[in-house]
Protein backbone atom coordinates (compact mmCIF):
# COMPACT_ATOMS: atom_id res chain seq x y z
CA MET A 1 0.23 -0.02 -0.13
CA ALA A 2 1.35 3.46 -0.85
CA LYS A 3 2.51 5.70 1.61
CA ILE A 4 0.21 9.01 1.64
CA THR A 5 1.58 11.91 3.49
CA ALA A 6 -0.22 14.68 5.61
CA ALA A 7 0.76 17.20 2.69
CA GLU A 8 -0.68 15.04 -0.38
CA VAL A 9 -3.80 15.04 1.71
CA ASN A 10 -4.12 18.70 2.59
CA LYS A 11 -3.29 19.26 -1.75
CA LEU A 12 -6.38 16.92 -2.27
CA ARG A 13 -8.47 18.63 0.03
CA LYS A 14 -7.55 22.10 -1.12
CA HIS A 15 -8.28 21.09 -4.67
CA THR A 16 -11.58 19.41 -3.84
CA GLY A 17 -12.79 21.15 -0.72
CA THR A 18 -13.79 17.67 0.45
CA GLY A 19 -13.14 16.92 4.10
CA MET A 20 -9.71 15.30 5.15
CA MET A 21 -10.28 11.76 5.95
CA ASP A 22 -12.44 11.62 2.55
CA CYS A 23 -9.34 13.01 0.63
CA LYS A 24 -7.29 10.37 2.51
CA LYS A 25 -9.35 7.34 1.59
CA ALA A 26 -9.98 8.21 -1.80
CA LEU A 27 -5.76 8.74 -2.29
CA VAL A 28 -5.28 5.16 -0.22
CA GLU A 29 -7.96 3.72 -2.72
CA ALA A 30 -5.75 5.34 -5.48
CA GLU A 31 -3.17 3.97 -4.13
CA GLY A 32 -1.38 7.97 -4.19
CA ASP A 33 -2.39 8.79 -7.58
CA PHE A 34 -3.51 12.18 -7.37
CA ASP A 35 -6.10 12.39 -10.37
CA LYS A 36 -7.61 9.20 -10.06
CA ALA A 37 -8.05 10.26 -6.51
CA ILE A 38 -10.39 12.73 -7.40
CA ALA A 39 -11.75 10.57 -10.09
CA ILE A 40 -13.08 8.48 -6.97
CA LEU A 41 -13.97 11.49 -5.21
CA ARG A 42 -16.18 12.41 -8.13
CA LYS A 43 -17.88 8.95 -8.41
CA LYS A 44 -18.58 9.35 -4.71
CA GLY A 45 -20.52 12.42 -5.40
CA GLN A 46 -22.40 10.73 -8.34
CA LYS A 47 -23.09 7.92 -5.87
CA VAL A 48 -24.78 10.21 -3.16
CA ALA A 49 -26.61 11.79 -6.00
CA GLU A 50 -28.26 8.99 -7.21
CA LYS A 51 -29.15 8.14 -3.49
CA ARG A 52 -31.11 11.56 -2.74
CA SER A 53 -32.05 12.40 -5.90
CA ASP A 54 -35.76 11.94 -4.73
CA ARG A 55 -34.86 14.86 -1.76
CA ASP A 56 -36.88 17.81 -1.77
CA THR A 57 -34.33 20.97 -2.41
CA ASN A 58 -36.31 23.87 -0.64
CA GLU A 59 -33.35 25.73 0.57
CA GLY A 60 -30.44 27.48 -1.06
CA VAL A 61 -29.41 31.25 -2.35
CA VAL A 62 -30.49 33.02 -5.20
CA VAL A 63 -27.99 35.34 -6.86
CA ALA A 64 -27.80 38.19 -9.25
CA GLY A 65 -25.16 40.26 -10.69
CA ALA A 66 -24.47 42.73 -14.24
CA THR A 67 -21.13 42.44 -16.59
CA GLU A 68 -18.90 45.57 -16.15
CA ASP A 69 -20.81 46.93 -19.03
CA SER A 70 -23.90 46.79 -17.49
CA SER A 71 -25.59 45.71 -20.69
CA TYR A 72 -26.49 42.35 -19.81
CA ALA A 73 -27.75 40.96 -16.10
CA ALA A 74 -28.25 37.49 -14.71
CA ILE A 75 -30.16 35.51 -11.83
CA ILE A 76 -29.89 32.08 -10.64
CA THR A 77 -30.88 29.84 -7.79
CA LEU A 78 -28.89 27.37 -6.42
CA ASN A 79 -30.94 24.87 -4.28
CA CYS A 80 -30.05 22.53 -1.42
CA GLU A 81 -31.74 20.56 1.16
CA THR A 82 -30.83 22.25 4.77
CA ASP A 83 -30.48 25.91 5.58
CA PHE A 84 -27.40 24.66 7.37
CA VAL A 85 -25.50 24.41 3.73
CA ALA A 86 -27.66 27.07 2.15
CA LYS A 87 -25.95 29.36 4.87
CA ASN A 88 -22.53 27.93 4.42
CA ASP A 89 -19.53 30.21 2.73
CA ASP A 90 -18.56 27.71 0.41
CA PHE A 91 -22.08 27.06 -0.92
CA VAL A 92 -22.86 30.56 -1.51
CA ALA A 93 -19.48 30.83 -3.46
CA VAL A 94 -20.26 28.22 -5.83
CA ALA A 95 -23.30 29.72 -6.61
CA LYS A 96 -21.34 32.88 -7.38
CA SER A 97 -19.16 31.37 -9.45
CA ILE A 98 -21.90 29.71 -11.26
CA LEU A 99 -23.43 33.29 -11.71
CA THR A 100 -20.05 34.66 -13.14
CA ILE A 101 -20.09 31.94 -16.07
CA ALA A 102 -23.11 32.82 -16.66
CA LEU A 103 -22.54 36.61 -16.94
CA ASN A 104 -19.15 35.53 -19.13
CA GLU A 105 -20.72 32.87 -21.25
CA LYS A 106 -24.27 34.10 -21.75
CA PRO A 107 -25.91 30.73 -22.18
CA ASP A 108 -28.67 30.43 -24.02
CA SER A 109 -30.64 28.30 -21.62
CA ILE A 110 -30.15 26.86 -17.79
CA GLU A 111 -29.35 23.78 -19.89
CA ASP A 112 -26.62 25.09 -21.71
CA LEU A 113 -25.25 26.96 -18.43
CA ARG A 114 -25.44 23.25 -16.69
CA ALA A 115 -23.47 22.28 -19.77
CA ALA A 116 -20.73 25.01 -19.34
CA LYS A 117 -17.14 24.76 -18.51
CA PHE A 118 -16.87 25.52 -14.52
CA ASP A 119 -13.30 25.27 -14.70
CA ASP A 120 -10.56 23.29 -17.02
CA SER A 121 -11.74 19.97 -15.25
CA MET A 122 -15.34 20.00 -15.11
CA THR A 123 -18.34 21.37 -16.09
CA VAL A 124 -20.92 23.25 -14.10
CA THR A 125 -23.33 20.26 -13.69
CA GLU A 126 -19.94 17.86 -12.35
CA LYS A 127 -19.02 20.61 -10.06
CA LEU A 128 -22.57 20.21 -8.57
CA ILE A 129 -21.99 16.47 -8.33
CA GLU A 130 -18.64 16.67 -6.67
CA GLU A 131 -20.35 19.46 -4.20
CA VAL A 132 -23.09 16.54 -3.65
CA GLY A 133 -20.03 14.03 -2.58
CA LYS A 134 -18.71 16.77 -0.14
CA ILE A 135 -21.43 17.70 1.83
CA GLY A 136 -23.88 14.90 1.71
CA GLU A 137 -26.78 16.88 0.22
CA LYS A 138 -28.83 17.06 -2.92
CA ILE A 139 -27.81 20.14 -4.88
CA GLN A 140 -29.60 21.70 -7.85
CA LEU A 141 -29.36 24.49 -10.04
CA SER A 142 -32.92 25.54 -10.74
CA TYR A 143 -33.24 28.82 -12.30
CA PHE A 144 -31.04 31.00 -14.55
CA ASP A 145 -32.62 34.20 -16.48
CA VAL A 146 -31.37 37.12 -18.02
CA VAL A 147 -32.26 40.63 -19.11
CA SER A 148 -29.98 43.09 -21.74
CA SER A 149 -30.62 46.63 -22.37
CA ALA A 150 -28.79 49.65 -22.69
CA LYS A 151 -28.61 49.76 -18.45
CA THR A 152 -29.16 46.60 -16.35
CA VAL A 153 -29.06 46.44 -12.73
CA ALA A 154 -28.96 43.62 -10.20
CA TYR A 155 -30.01 43.56 -6.70
CA ASN A 156 -29.26 40.92 -3.81
CA HIS A 157 -31.43 41.08 -0.95
CA PRO A 158 -29.52 40.49 2.32
CA GLY A 159 -29.19 36.57 2.90
CA TYR A 160 -29.48 35.82 -0.57
CA GLN A 161 -33.13 34.92 -0.40
CA THR A 162 -34.45 37.16 -2.79
CA ALA A 163 -32.54 38.88 -5.82
CA THR A 164 -33.51 40.81 -9.17
CA ILE A 165 -32.80 42.38 -12.31
CA VAL A 166 -33.51 45.17 -14.27
CA ALA A 167 -33.44 46.56 -17.46
CA LEU A 168 -33.55 50.23 -18.41
CA ASN A 169 -33.55 52.12 -21.68
CA GLN A 170 -30.76 54.56 -20.76
CA ASN A 171 -27.48 54.30 -19.29
CA ASN A 172 -26.43 57.09 -17.01
CA ASP A 173 -25.55 57.49 -13.50
CA ASP A 174 -29.04 58.61 -12.66
CA ALA A 175 -30.25 55.45 -14.45
CA ALA A 176 -28.37 53.37 -12.48
CA ALA A 177 -29.50 55.17 -9.20
CA ALA A 178 -33.41 54.56 -10.43
CA GLY A 179 -32.56 51.03 -11.18
CA ARG A 180 -31.34 50.17 -7.79
CA ASN A 181 -34.42 51.76 -6.55
CA VAL A 182 -36.81 49.75 -8.92
CA ALA A 183 -34.78 46.49 -8.74
CA MET A 184 -35.38 46.75 -4.78
CA GLN A 185 -39.08 47.50 -5.10
CA ILE A 186 -39.39 44.72 -7.10
CA ALA A 187 -37.97 42.48 -4.58
CA ALA A 188 -40.31 43.85 -1.85
CA MET A 189 -43.80 43.93 -4.18
CA ASN A 190 -43.03 41.24 -6.42
CA PRO A 191 -44.79 42.09 -9.54
CA ILE A 192 -46.35 39.95 -12.11
CA ALA A 193 -45.45 42.11 -15.39
CA LEU A 194 -44.36 45.07 -16.51
CA ASP A 195 -47.27 46.88 -17.31
CA GLU A 196 -51.04 45.66 -18.27
CA ALA A 197 -50.18 45.05 -21.71
CA ASN A 198 -48.04 42.31 -20.45
CA VAL A 199 -50.42 40.39 -17.93
CA SER A 200 -51.69 37.36 -20.16
CA ASP A 201 -54.95 37.15 -21.45
CA GLU A 202 -55.86 34.05 -19.09
CA ILE A 203 -55.05 36.70 -15.94
CA LYS A 204 -57.21 39.24 -17.67
CA ALA A 205 -60.33 36.78 -17.84
CA ARG A 206 -59.68 34.86 -14.47
CA GLU A 207 -59.61 38.70 -12.58
CA LEU A 208 -62.86 40.10 -14.79
CA GLU A 209 -64.37 36.37 -13.64
CA ILE A 210 -63.46 37.05 -10.15
CA GLY A 211 -64.73 40.90 -10.21
CA ARG A 212 -68.01 39.62 -11.81
CA GLU A 213 -68.82 37.11 -9.11
CA LEU A 214 -67.71 39.70 -6.57
CA ALA A 215 -70.00 42.44 -7.71
CA LEU A 216 -72.85 39.58 -8.08
CA LYS A 217 -72.72 38.35 -4.62
CA GLU A 218 -72.97 41.89 -3.25
CA GLY A 219 -76.07 42.42 -4.97
CA LYS A 220 -75.18 44.65 -7.97
CA PRO A 221 -77.22 44.91 -11.04
CA GLU A 222 -76.35 42.88 -13.79
CA ALA A 223 -76.29 45.56 -16.18
CA ILE A 224 -73.03 46.96 -14.67
CA LEU A 225 -71.24 43.65 -13.48
CA ASP A 226 -69.25 44.70 -16.54
CA LYS A 227 -67.88 47.85 -15.78
CA ILE A 228 -67.81 46.63 -11.92
CA ALA A 229 -65.10 43.86 -13.16
CA GLN A 230 -63.34 46.33 -15.35
CA GLY A 231 -62.92 48.44 -12.33
CA LYS A 232 -61.33 45.75 -10.28
CA LEU A 233 -59.10 44.77 -13.19
CA GLN A 234 -57.55 48.42 -13.10
CA LYS A 235 -56.99 48.00 -9.33
CA TYR A 236 -55.29 44.50 -10.00
CA TYR A 237 -53.13 46.36 -12.71
CA LYS A 238 -52.28 48.92 -9.96
CA ASP A 239 -51.35 46.57 -7.00
CA ASN A 240 -49.75 43.90 -9.43
CA THR A 241 -47.86 45.48 -12.62
CA LEU A 242 -44.40 47.28 -12.00
CA LEU A 243 -44.79 50.39 -13.38
CA ASN A 244 -48.26 50.91 -12.01
CA GLN A 245 -47.70 49.90 -8.74
CA GLN A 246 -47.15 52.62 -5.50
CA TYR A 247 -43.53 53.78 -5.87
CA PHE A 248 -42.37 51.95 -2.37
CA VAL A 249 -40.43 54.83 -1.34
CA ASP A 250 -43.27 57.43 -1.60
CA ASN A 251 -46.68 55.81 -2.01
CA LYS A 252 -47.88 59.01 -3.95
CA ILE A 253 -47.18 58.14 -7.06
CA SER A 254 -46.61 55.14 -9.01
CA VAL A 255 -43.02 53.71 -10.03
CA LYS A 256 -43.58 54.70 -14.02
CA ALA A 257 -44.02 58.38 -12.32
CA TYR A 258 -40.76 57.98 -10.12
CA LEU A 259 -38.80 57.18 -13.19
CA GLN A 260 -39.91 59.86 -15.34
CA SER A 261 -39.23 62.42 -12.37
CA VAL A 262 -35.81 61.13 -12.96
CA ASN A 263 -35.88 61.67 -16.51
CA LYS A 264 -38.91 61.81 -18.61
CA ASP A 265 -37.96 59.25 -21.00
CA LEU A 266 -36.74 56.96 -18.46
CA THR A 267 -38.33 53.70 -18.25
CA VAL A 268 -37.88 49.86 -17.08
CA THR A 269 -38.13 47.63 -20.51
CA ASP A 270 -37.88 44.02 -18.36
CA PHE A 271 -36.95 42.39 -15.14
CA LYS A 272 -36.68 39.36 -13.44
CA ARG A 273 -37.09 37.77 -9.77
CA SER A 274 -36.44 34.99 -8.07
CA SER A 275 -37.21 34.25 -4.13
CA LEU A 276 -37.13 31.36 -2.00
CA VAL A 277 -38.98 32.58 0.53
């Protein structure tokens, strides 16, 4: 049996992030071959992943960021099984590394992001399998989305449980500050769409039907049910679409009015939000 030194074990631990005892066992099994030991640890991760494939991953972190030129922003959600792991600095670091890959590579889909190179030796998926072997929990990259425009802004709410990205039609200092405020608005108020034009026909039909039913139960005349339902739909837009919502800093104005107070032509063109709470 090959003699395994503490320095060799420590080198493998630094390379993989795996515990000392697991690294030593892998090196012993590999008879001191460093690359074989790495492969053994990855196989362990695959076995753990297979065993825990049916586990729920309701915990995790959400992280967002923008490119240096602010023309592109991305947001990802990396899930795990327990809050203990989600709060681990190493887990958060892996999520941030995947976000960096997304910003650099600009993949077209979450499948492409999973297949992207994490480093010279493995893909993002392979890295997550390695992490499964290290921590013993199921890990899943469950969400990825982007926005692009003249100016994008990313906001990470403290604790990495909610994040948002916003695209604006102008790129200047005023737009950056306004974009951050709107990004916080989205995190807090969770709008379903940019404005009424972006609300689906299905949701519109549902809200109109709800409005009619409520008016009917209140004993309103049949002749005015549609008018009442339309009024309730407008209230729904005000509460649930970003540009029509009350601005959280000053509820006397809408988000649209706030943006126009910064610059009469400034507006949001797109946004994304992900949250684990």
